[in-house]
């Protein structure tokens, strides 16, 4: 059996490894030039619980505006023009308080 894996980040490579170990022929592809250049970029598999902040923390709406223009932004929500998305955004901003 040949399996095609899209993405050579942590999950893609790990999945390919275990499938190959079980005998599958695995082909891994990615749109980037090298491994781990998108979601896995520079995270080194690190879990930093002390360095996280909640989405609804004070100051997040202003930070989110700055993030839109960053090349390597920490968070991004596609600004969909829909009533559901607008409602979610309003509720999130209301929760960004002490």
Protein backbone atom coordinates (compact mmCIF):
# COMPACT_ATOMS: atom_id res chain seq x y z
CA UNK A 1 0.00 0.00 0.00
CA UNK A 2 1.28 3.50 -0.86
CA UNK A 3 0.29 6.32 1.47
CA UNK A 4 0.76 10.00 0.63
CA UNK A 5 1.29 12.34 3.59
CA UNK A 6 0.82 16.08 3.08
CA UNK A 7 3.14 18.10 5.30
CA UNK A 8 6.61 17.43 6.64
CA UNK A 9 6.06 18.92 10.05
CA UNK A 10 6.10 17.03 13.32
CA UNK A 11 2.81 15.23 12.70
CA UNK A 12 3.48 14.40 9.04
CA UNK A 13 6.95 13.01 9.65
CA UNK A 14 5.87 11.05 12.72
CA UNK A 15 2.89 9.59 10.86
CA UNK A 16 5.11 8.65 7.92
CA UNK A 17 7.63 6.99 10.23
CA UNK A 18 5.07 4.77 11.95
CA UNK A 19 3.31 3.85 8.71
CA UNK A 20 6.64 2.87 7.13
CA UNK A 21 7.48 0.88 10.24
CA UNK A 22 4.24 -1.08 9.69
CA UNK A 23 5.23 -1.84 6.10
CA UNK A 24 3.48 0.85 4.09
CA UNK A 25 5.23 2.62 1.25
CA UNK A 26 5.12 6.29 2.25
CA UNK A 27 5.48 9.41 0.14
CA UNK A 28 5.72 12.70 2.06
CA UNK A 29 5.12 15.99 0.23
CA UNK A 30 5.09 19.61 1.30
CA UNK A 31 4.68 22.94 -0.44
CA UNK A 32 7.66 24.38 1.44
CA UNK A 33 11.30 23.82 0.49
CA UNK A 34 12.18 22.02 3.73
CA UNK A 35 10.68 20.22 6.70
CA UNK A 36 8.82 21.97 9.52
CA UNK A 37 8.44 25.38 7.86
CA UNK A 38 4.74 25.96 8.54
CA UNK A 39 2.83 24.94 11.67
CA UNK A 40 5.87 23.20 13.14
CA UNK A 41 8.14 26.17 12.39
CA UNK A 42 10.55 26.81 15.28
CA UNK A 43 8.44 25.16 17.97
CA UNK A 44 10.91 22.30 18.52
CA UNK A 45 8.05 20.26 19.97
CA UNK A 46 8.23 22.40 23.08
CA UNK A 47 5.32 22.74 25.47
CA UNK A 48 5.69 25.98 27.41
CA UNK A 49 2.78 26.11 29.79
CA UNK A 50 4.29 29.04 31.68
CA UNK A 51 4.56 31.07 28.49
CA UNK A 52 0.99 30.79 27.26
CA UNK A 53 -1.71 33.40 27.47
CA UNK A 54 -5.47 32.94 27.19
CA UNK A 55 -7.22 34.13 24.04
CA UNK A 56 -9.51 36.37 26.05
CA UNK A 57 -6.79 38.14 28.05
CA UNK A 58 -6.77 41.93 28.40
CA UNK A 59 -4.83 43.50 25.54
CA UNK A 60 -5.29 40.61 23.10
CA UNK A 61 -7.54 42.55 20.67
CA UNK A 62 -4.82 45.19 20.12
CA UNK A 63 -2.14 42.51 19.84
CA UNK A 64 -4.29 40.64 17.31
CA UNK A 65 -4.44 43.73 15.11
CA UNK A 66 -0.61 43.88 15.12
CA UNK A 67 -0.37 40.13 14.41
CA UNK A 68 -2.28 40.52 11.16
CA UNK A 69 0.74 42.30 9.66
CA UNK A 70 3.45 39.97 11.05
CA UNK A 71 5.09 37.37 8.81
CA UNK A 72 5.41 34.79 11.62
CA UNK A 73 2.33 35.59 13.67
CA UNK A 74 1.48 33.55 16.77
CA UNK A 75 -2.27 33.51 16.10
CA UNK A 76 -4.47 34.42 13.19
CA UNK A 77 -8.18 34.18 12.52
CA UNK A 78 -9.30 34.64 8.94
CA UNK A 79 -11.64 37.64 9.00
CA UNK A 80 -14.66 35.95 7.50
CA UNK A 81 -17.60 38.19 6.82
CA UNK A 82 -20.39 36.18 8.36
CA UNK A 83 -22.86 36.83 11.17
CA UNK A 84 -21.47 33.87 13.13
CA UNK A 85 -17.89 35.16 12.94
CA UNK A 86 -18.92 38.72 13.86
CA UNK A 87 -20.84 37.43 16.87
CA UNK A 88 -17.86 35.32 17.98
CA UNK A 89 -15.49 38.30 17.64
CA UNK A 90 -17.77 40.59 19.67
CA UNK A 91 -18.08 37.98 22.42
CA UNK A 92 -14.31 37.45 22.49
CA UNK A 93 -13.59 41.19 22.78
CA UNK A 94 -16.15 41.47 25.61
CA UNK A 95 -14.32 38.68 27.46
CA UNK A 96 -10.92 40.40 27.12
CA UNK A 97 -11.03 42.03 30.52
CA UNK A 98 -9.61 41.65 34.00
